[in-house]
Amino acid sequence: MDLKESLKQLEEALMEADTDGWKGENSVAVPLPVAYHSLRFLRLLPDDIPNPDIVAEPNGEIEFDWYKNSDRLFSLSVNGNGRINYAGRTPERISGNCKLLKNSCPLIIINSIKKIYE
């Protein structure tokens, strides 16, 4: 992963969503704890993971997406408590769950992302 490029995408997403109403009247700005945990998440990803697409969500969370095709994709969002909600799809299965971000990236997330590109 090109960390510099991913950090740039994260910065762009945070700048886009820096005020309430940025994407309609019910959208909220990305709070500082979400930015912090999103940055932590990026720094915990191993180098052999492809760069995600990073966008702000109207609910104030940051979304990370890995997409190969309609049968191989993985998406997760990070909230202000460090919780990661994720879902993925491969030809073999559809999965989803949530994990708390601690001192390392949850292995199930790393393996799920890698599975997209097999």
N, C-alpha and C. Protein backbone atom coordinates (compact mmCIF):
# COMPACT_ATOMS: atom_id res chain seq x y z
N MET A 1 0.84 -1.18 0.00
CA MET A 1 0.00 0.00 0.00
C MET A 1 0.88 1.24 0.00
N ASP A 2 0.48 2.20 -0.77
CA ASP A 2 1.17 3.49 -0.78
C ASP A 2 0.52 4.36 0.29
N LEU A 3 1.14 4.37 1.48
CA LEU A 3 0.56 5.08 2.62
C LEU A 3 0.38 6.56 2.32
N LYS A 4 1.33 7.15 1.64
CA LYS A 4 1.25 8.58 1.31
C LYS A 4 0.00 8.87 0.49
N GLU A 5 -0.28 8.04 -0.50
CA GLU A 5 -1.47 8.23 -1.34
C GLU A 5 -2.75 8.05 -0.52
N SER A 6 -2.78 7.04 0.34
CA SER A 6 -3.96 6.81 1.18
C SER A 6 -4.17 7.95 2.17
N LEU A 7 -3.09 8.48 2.72
CA LEU A 7 -3.21 9.63 3.64
C LEU A 7 -3.76 10.85 2.90
N LYS A 8 -3.36 11.01 1.66
CA LYS A 8 -3.88 12.12 0.85
C LYS A 8 -5.38 11.95 0.63
N GLN A 9 -5.81 10.74 0.31
CA GLN A 9 -7.24 10.49 0.12
C GLN A 9 -8.02 10.74 1.41
N LEU A 10 -7.45 10.31 2.54
CA LEU A 10 -8.12 10.54 3.83
C LEU A 10 -8.24 12.03 4.09
N GLU A 11 -7.17 12.77 3.85
CA GLU A 11 -7.20 14.22 4.06
C GLU A 11 -8.28 14.87 3.18
N GLU A 12 -8.38 14.44 1.93
CA GLU A 12 -9.40 14.99 1.03
C GLU A 12 -10.81 14.69 1.53
N ALA A 13 -11.02 13.47 2.02
CA ALA A 13 -12.33 13.10 2.56
C ALA A 13 -12.67 13.94 3.78
N LEU A 14 -11.69 14.16 4.65
CA LEU A 14 -11.92 14.96 5.85
C LEU A 14 -12.21 16.41 5.50
N MET A 15 -11.51 16.93 4.51
CA MET A 15 -11.74 18.33 4.10
C MET A 15 -13.12 18.49 3.47
N GLU A 16 -13.54 17.48 2.70
CA GLU A 16 -14.86 17.55 2.06
C GLU A 16 -15.97 17.57 3.12
N ALA A 17 -15.77 16.85 4.21
CA ALA A 17 -16.82 16.68 5.22
C ALA A 17 -16.47 17.42 6.51
N ASP A 18 -16.02 18.66 6.39
CA ASP A 18 -15.57 19.39 7.57
C ASP A 18 -16.65 20.22 8.27
N THR A 19 -17.86 20.26 7.68
CA THR A 19 -18.95 21.00 8.32
C THR A 19 -20.25 20.21 8.19
N ASP A 20 -21.13 20.37 9.17
CA ASP A 20 -22.45 19.74 9.09
C ASP A 20 -23.15 20.24 7.83
N GLY A 21 -23.91 19.36 7.20
CA GLY A 21 -24.64 19.72 5.98
C GLY A 21 -23.82 19.62 4.72
N TRP A 22 -22.63 19.07 4.81
CA TRP A 22 -21.73 18.99 3.65
C TRP A 22 -22.30 18.16 2.51
N LYS A 23 -23.20 17.23 2.83
CA LYS A 23 -23.81 16.38 1.80
C LYS A 23 -25.32 16.28 2.04
N GLY A 24 -25.95 17.42 2.18
CA GLY A 24 -27.37 17.46 2.46
C GLY A 24 -27.61 17.86 3.91
N GLU A 25 -28.83 18.25 4.18
CA GLU A 25 -29.11 18.84 5.50
C GLU A 25 -28.93 17.88 6.67
N ASN A 26 -29.01 16.58 6.45
CA ASN A 26 -28.85 15.62 7.55
C ASN A 26 -27.43 15.07 7.70
N SER A 27 -26.52 15.51 6.84
CA SER A 27 -25.15 15.00 6.93
C SER A 27 -24.40 15.74 8.04
N VAL A 28 -23.47 15.02 8.66
CA VAL A 28 -22.69 15.61 9.75
C VAL A 28 -21.21 15.61 9.38
N ALA A 29 -20.51 16.57 9.94
CA ALA A 29 -19.07 16.65 9.75
C ALA A 29 -18.40 15.44 10.40
N VAL A 30 -17.27 15.04 9.85
CA VAL A 30 -16.51 13.94 10.44
C VAL A 30 -15.87 14.45 11.73
N PRO A 31 -16.21 13.84 12.88
CA PRO A 31 -15.63 14.29 14.14
C PRO A 31 -14.16 13.88 14.27
N LEU A 32 -13.44 14.60 15.10
CA LEU A 32 -12.02 14.34 15.31
C LEU A 32 -11.72 12.89 15.71
N PRO A 33 -12.51 12.26 16.62
CA PRO A 33 -12.21 10.86 16.95
C PRO A 33 -12.30 9.91 15.75
N VAL A 34 -13.18 10.18 14.81
CA VAL A 34 -13.29 9.35 13.60
C VAL A 34 -12.03 9.54 12.76
N ALA A 35 -11.59 10.78 12.60
CA ALA A 35 -10.36 11.04 11.85
C ALA A 35 -9.18 10.33 12.50
N TYR A 36 -9.09 10.41 13.81
CA TYR A 36 -8.00 9.77 14.55
C TYR A 36 -7.98 8.25 14.32
N HIS A 37 -9.13 7.60 14.51
CA HIS A 37 -9.18 6.14 14.35
C HIS A 37 -8.99 5.73 12.89
N SER A 38 -9.43 6.56 11.96
CA SER A 38 -9.22 6.26 10.53
C SER A 38 -7.73 6.32 10.20
N LEU A 39 -7.05 7.30 10.73
CA LEU A 39 -5.61 7.41 10.52
C LEU A 39 -4.89 6.21 11.15
N ARG A 40 -5.29 5.84 12.37
CA ARG A 40 -4.70 4.67 13.03
C ARG A 40 -4.91 3.42 12.19
N PHE A 41 -6.13 3.26 11.66
CA PHE A 41 -6.43 2.09 10.84
C PHE A 41 -5.48 2.02 9.63
N LEU A 42 -5.34 3.13 8.92
CA LEU A 42 -4.46 3.15 7.75
C LEU A 42 -3.03 2.77 8.12
N ARG A 43 -2.54 3.30 9.21
CA ARG A 43 -1.16 3.03 9.62
C ARG A 43 -0.96 1.58 10.07
N LEU A 44 -2.03 0.90 10.44
CA LEU A 44 -1.93 -0.49 10.87
C LEU A 44 -2.04 -1.50 9.72
N LEU A 45 -2.44 -1.03 8.55
CA LEU A 45 -2.54 -1.94 7.41
C LEU A 45 -1.15 -2.36 6.94
N PRO A 46 -0.97 -3.62 6.60
CA PRO A 46 0.33 -4.06 6.08
C PRO A 46 0.60 -3.47 4.69
N ASP A 47 1.87 -3.45 4.34
CA ASP A 47 2.30 -2.87 3.06
C ASP A 47 1.76 -3.61 1.84
N ASP A 48 1.46 -4.90 1.98
CA ASP A 48 1.02 -5.68 0.82
C ASP A 48 -0.48 -5.60 0.55
N ILE A 49 -1.17 -4.73 1.25
CA ILE A 49 -2.60 -4.50 1.01
C ILE A 49 -2.73 -3.40 -0.05
N PRO A 50 -3.55 -3.59 -1.08
CA PRO A 50 -3.77 -2.53 -2.07
C PRO A 50 -4.41 -1.29 -1.42
N ASN A 51 -4.19 -0.15 -2.04
CA ASN A 51 -4.79 1.08 -1.53
C ASN A 51 -6.31 1.03 -1.63
N PRO A 52 -6.98 1.47 -0.58
CA PRO A 52 -8.43 1.56 -0.65
C PRO A 52 -8.87 2.88 -1.27
N ASP A 53 -10.13 2.92 -1.68
CA ASP A 53 -10.77 4.20 -1.96
C ASP A 53 -11.33 4.67 -0.63
N ILE A 54 -11.14 5.94 -0.31
CA ILE A 54 -11.53 6.48 0.99
C ILE A 54 -12.47 7.64 0.79
N VAL A 55 -13.63 7.58 1.45
CA VAL A 55 -14.62 8.65 1.37
C VAL A 55 -15.25 8.87 2.74
N ALA A 56 -15.77 10.07 2.92
CA ALA A 56 -16.55 10.37 4.12
C ALA A 56 -17.99 9.93 3.88
N GLU A 57 -18.62 9.45 4.93
CA GLU A 57 -20.03 9.08 4.86
C GLU A 57 -20.87 10.20 5.48
N PRO A 58 -22.11 10.36 5.03
CA PRO A 58 -22.96 11.42 5.58
C PRO A 58 -23.21 11.30 7.09
N ASN A 59 -23.01 10.10 7.65
CA ASN A 59 -23.23 9.92 9.10
C ASN A 59 -22.00 10.29 9.92
N GLY A 60 -20.93 10.78 9.27
CA GLY A 60 -19.74 11.22 9.98
C GLY A 60 -18.67 10.17 10.11
N GLU A 61 -18.86 9.00 9.53
CA GLU A 61 -17.84 7.96 9.57
C GLU A 61 -17.01 8.03 8.29
N ILE A 62 -15.87 7.34 8.31
CA ILE A 62 -15.02 7.26 7.13
C ILE A 62 -15.13 5.85 6.57
N GLU A 63 -15.31 5.76 5.25
CA GLU A 63 -15.47 4.48 4.57
C GLU A 63 -14.22 4.17 3.75
N PHE A 64 -13.80 2.90 3.82
CA PHE A 64 -12.66 2.39 3.06
C PHE A 64 -13.19 1.27 2.17
N ASP A 65 -12.91 1.36 0.87
CA ASP A 65 -13.43 0.36 -0.08
C ASP A 65 -12.30 -0.24 -0.91
N TRP A 66 -12.39 -1.56 -1.08
CA TRP A 66 -11.51 -2.30 -1.99
C TRP A 66 -12.43 -3.00 -2.97
N TYR A 67 -12.20 -2.78 -4.25
CA TYR A 67 -13.10 -3.29 -5.29
C TYR A 67 -12.29 -3.86 -6.43
N LYS A 68 -12.52 -5.11 -6.74
CA LYS A 68 -11.91 -5.72 -7.93
C LYS A 68 -12.95 -5.84 -9.03
N ASN A 69 -14.12 -6.37 -8.67
CA ASN A 69 -15.27 -6.45 -9.58
C ASN A 69 -16.51 -6.68 -8.72
N SER A 70 -17.66 -6.86 -9.37
CA SER A 70 -18.91 -6.97 -8.60
C SER A 70 -18.97 -8.23 -7.73
N ASP A 71 -18.12 -9.21 -7.99
CA ASP A 71 -18.07 -10.42 -7.17
C ASP A 71 -16.96 -10.38 -6.12
N ARG A 72 -16.12 -9.38 -6.18
CA ARG A 72 -14.98 -9.30 -5.25
C ARG A 72 -14.84 -7.87 -4.74
N LEU A 73 -15.39 -7.64 -3.56
CA LEU A 73 -15.33 -6.31 -2.97
C LEU A 73 -15.34 -6.40 -1.45
N PHE A 74 -14.81 -5.36 -0.81
CA PHE A 74 -14.77 -5.30 0.64
C PHE A 74 -14.89 -3.85 1.04
N SER A 75 -15.72 -3.58 2.02
CA SER A 75 -15.96 -2.22 2.48
C SER A 75 -16.01 -2.20 3.99
N LEU A 76 -15.47 -1.13 4.57
CA LEU A 76 -15.57 -0.98 6.02
C LEU A 76 -15.71 0.49 6.35
N SER A 77 -16.26 0.75 7.53
CA SER A 77 -16.35 2.12 8.02
C SER A 77 -15.82 2.15 9.44
N VAL A 78 -15.21 3.28 9.78
CA VAL A 78 -14.61 3.49 11.08
C VAL A 78 -15.41 4.57 11.80
N ASN A 79 -15.75 4.31 13.07
CA ASN A 79 -16.48 5.32 13.83
C ASN A 79 -15.58 5.94 14.90
N GLY A 80 -16.14 6.83 15.69
CA GLY A 80 -15.37 7.58 16.69
C GLY A 80 -14.92 6.79 17.90
N ASN A 81 -15.45 5.59 18.06
CA ASN A 81 -15.03 4.72 19.17
C ASN A 81 -13.99 3.70 18.73
N GLY A 82 -13.59 3.77 17.46
CA GLY A 82 -12.64 2.82 16.93
C GLY A 82 -13.29 1.52 16.49
N ARG A 83 -14.59 1.51 16.37
CA ARG A 83 -15.29 0.32 15.89
C ARG A 83 -15.25 0.31 14.36
N ILE A 84 -14.97 -0.86 13.82
CA ILE A 84 -14.93 -1.05 12.37
C ILE A 84 -16.09 -1.96 11.99
N ASN A 85 -17.01 -1.45 11.20
CA ASN A 85 -18.08 -2.26 10.63
C ASN A 85 -17.65 -2.64 9.22
N TYR A 86 -17.71 -3.92 8.90
CA TYR A 86 -17.21 -4.33 7.60
C TYR A 86 -18.13 -5.36 6.95
N ALA A 87 -18.02 -5.40 5.62
CA ALA A 87 -18.74 -6.39 4.82
C ALA A 87 -17.93 -6.65 3.56
N GLY A 88 -17.97 -7.89 3.11
CA GLY A 88 -17.23 -8.25 1.91
C GLY A 88 -17.97 -9.30 1.11
N ARG A 89 -17.55 -9.39 -0.14
CA ARG A 89 -18.16 -10.37 -1.04
C ARG A 89 -17.07 -10.98 -1.91
N THR A 90 -17.07 -12.30 -1.95
CA THR A 90 -16.25 -13.06 -2.91
C THR A 90 -17.19 -14.07 -3.53
N PRO A 91 -16.77 -14.74 -4.61
CA PRO A 91 -17.66 -15.74 -5.20
C PRO A 91 -18.06 -16.85 -4.21
N GLU A 92 -17.20 -17.10 -3.22
CA GLU A 92 -17.47 -18.17 -2.26
C GLU A 92 -18.45 -17.76 -1.17
N ARG A 93 -18.43 -16.46 -0.78
CA ARG A 93 -19.28 -16.08 0.36
C ARG A 93 -19.44 -14.57 0.48
N ILE A 94 -20.44 -14.22 1.25
CA ILE A 94 -20.68 -12.84 1.64
C ILE A 94 -20.51 -12.81 3.16
N SER A 95 -19.75 -11.85 3.67
CA SER A 95 -19.52 -11.81 5.11
C SER A 95 -19.61 -10.39 5.62
N GLY A 96 -19.78 -10.27 6.91
CA GLY A 96 -19.82 -8.97 7.55
C GLY A 96 -19.82 -9.11 9.05
N ASN A 97 -19.36 -8.07 9.73
CA ASN A 97 -19.30 -8.09 11.18
C ASN A 97 -18.75 -6.76 11.64
N CYS A 98 -18.39 -6.67 12.91
CA CYS A 98 -17.71 -5.48 13.42
C CYS A 98 -16.60 -5.91 14.37
N LYS A 99 -15.57 -5.10 14.43
CA LYS A 99 -14.42 -5.33 15.29
C LYS A 99 -14.00 -3.99 15.89
N LEU A 100 -13.37 -4.06 17.05
CA LEU A 100 -12.82 -2.88 17.67
C LEU A 100 -11.35 -2.75 17.28
N LEU A 101 -10.96 -1.56 16.86
CA LEU A 101 -9.57 -1.32 16.47
C LEU A 101 -8.73 -1.23 17.74
N LYS A 102 -7.72 -2.08 17.82
CA LYS A 102 -6.84 -2.09 18.99
C LYS A 102 -5.43 -1.73 18.54
N ASN A 103 -4.43 -2.50 18.92
CA ASN A 103 -3.04 -2.18 18.58
C ASN A 103 -2.58 -2.80 17.28
N SER A 104 -3.43 -3.56 16.64
CA SER A 104 -3.13 -4.12 15.33
C SER A 104 -4.43 -4.22 14.55
N CYS A 105 -4.29 -4.28 13.25
CA CYS A 105 -5.48 -4.42 12.41
C CYS A 105 -6.02 -5.84 12.58
N PRO A 106 -7.32 -6.01 12.81
CA PRO A 106 -7.87 -7.36 12.96
C PRO A 106 -7.52 -8.24 11.76
N LEU A 107 -7.01 -9.42 12.06
CA LEU A 107 -6.56 -10.34 11.02
C LEU A 107 -7.67 -10.71 10.04
N ILE A 108 -8.89 -10.81 10.53
CA ILE A 108 -10.00 -11.16 9.63
C ILE A 108 -10.19 -10.08 8.56
N ILE A 109 -9.92 -8.84 8.90
CA ILE A 109 -10.04 -7.75 7.93
C ILE A 109 -8.91 -7.84 6.90
N ILE A 110 -7.70 -8.05 7.37
CA ILE A 110 -6.56 -8.18 6.45
C ILE A 110 -6.78 -9.35 5.49
N ASN A 111 -7.15 -10.49 6.03
CA ASN A 111 -7.38 -11.67 5.18
C ASN A 111 -8.53 -11.46 4.22
N SER A 112 -9.57 -10.77 4.65
CA SER A 112 -10.72 -10.52 3.77
C SER A 112 -10.33 -9.61 2.61
N ILE A 113 -9.52 -8.60 2.88
CA ILE A 113 -9.08 -7.71 1.81
C ILE A 113 -8.21 -8.48 0.82
N LYS A 114 -7.28 -9.27 1.33
CA LYS A 114 -6.41 -10.05 0.45
C LYS A 114 -7.22 -11.03 -0.42
N LYS A 115 -8.28 -11.59 0.14
CA LYS A 115 -9.11 -12.55 -0.59
C LYS A 115 -9.75 -11.89 -1.83
N ILE A 116 -10.02 -10.60 -1.75
CA ILE A 116 -10.63 -9.90 -2.88
C ILE A 116 -9.74 -9.97 -4.12
N TYR A 117 -8.43 -9.96 -3.91
CA TYR A 117 -7.49 -9.89 -5.02
C TYR A 117 -6.87 -11.22 -5.42
N GLU A 118 -7.35 -12.32 -4.85
CA GLU A 118 -6.86 -13.64 -5.24
C GLU A 118 -7.32 -14.02 -6.63
